[in-house]
Amino acid sequence: MIRCILIDDEKNALEMMEWLLKTYCPDVEIVAMCNSSELGVEAIRQHRPDLVFL
């Protein structure tokens, strides 16, 4: 399982990426979704993801 974090300041973009990943990439687990770079950095430090979408 690939663990990922989504970071974007637009709510619609986060929701679309979440839907795309859940629909087409079942082996990718979203461990956090962040709407700012500050929260994104904190989530990266906490979760240690394999992949980050900005």
Protein backbone atom coordinates (compact mmCIF):
# COMPACT_ATOMS: atom_id res chain seq x y z
CA MET A 1 0.00 0.00 0.00
CA ILE A 2 1.30 3.45 -0.96
CA ARG A 3 0.62 6.08 1.69
CA CYS A 4 0.02 9.60 0.39
CA ILE A 5 -0.86 13.11 1.50
CA LEU A 6 -2.86 15.61 -0.55
CA ILE A 7 -2.07 19.32 -0.16
CA ASP A 8 -4.03 22.04 -1.96
CA ASP A 9 -5.61 25.33 -0.96
CA GLU A 10 -8.69 24.67 -3.12
CA LYS A 11 -11.30 22.39 -1.54
CA ASN A 12 -12.64 21.24 -4.92
CA ALA A 13 -9.16 20.18 -6.05
CA LEU A 14 -8.65 18.14 -2.88
CA GLU A 15 -12.01 16.44 -3.28
CA MET A 16 -11.39 15.66 -6.95
CA MET A 17 -7.95 14.19 -6.27
CA GLU A 18 -9.39 12.13 -3.42
CA TRP A 19 -12.12 10.79 -5.71
CA LEU A 20 -9.67 10.01 -8.52
CA LEU A 21 -7.31 8.15 -6.21
CA LYS A 22 -10.08 6.15 -4.52
CA THR A 23 -11.65 5.30 -7.89
CA TYR A 24 -8.58 4.48 -9.97
CA CYS A 25 -5.80 3.73 -7.48
CA PRO A 26 -7.11 1.37 -4.80
CA ASP A 27 -3.55 0.60 -3.70
CA VAL A 28 -3.01 4.24 -2.63
CA GLU A 29 -4.07 5.15 0.90
CA ILE A 30 -4.72 8.83 1.66
CA VAL A 31 -3.41 9.41 5.17
CA ALA A 32 -4.04 13.19 5.28
CA MET A 33 -5.63 16.00 3.29
CA CYS A 34 -4.37 19.52 4.02
CA ASN A 35 -5.49 22.95 2.81
CA SER A 36 -2.28 24.85 3.62
CA SER A 37 1.45 24.34 3.32
CA GLU A 38 1.91 24.67 7.08
CA LEU A 39 -0.55 21.83 7.76
CA GLY A 40 1.01 19.85 4.93
CA VAL A 41 4.50 20.05 6.42
CA GLU A 42 3.13 18.98 9.80
CA ALA A 43 1.27 16.03 8.21
CA ILE A 44 4.39 14.96 6.30
CA ARG A 45 6.42 14.93 9.50
CA GLN A 46 3.73 13.02 11.37
CA HIS A 47 2.75 10.41 8.74
CA ARG A 48 5.98 9.95 6.74
CA PRO A 49 4.13 9.29 3.45
CA ASP A 50 5.54 7.59 0.36
CA LEU A 51 3.96 10.17 -1.93
CA VAL A 52 2.79 13.81 -1.66
CA PHE A 53 0.46 15.52 -4.13
CA LEU A 54 0.75 19.34 -4.18
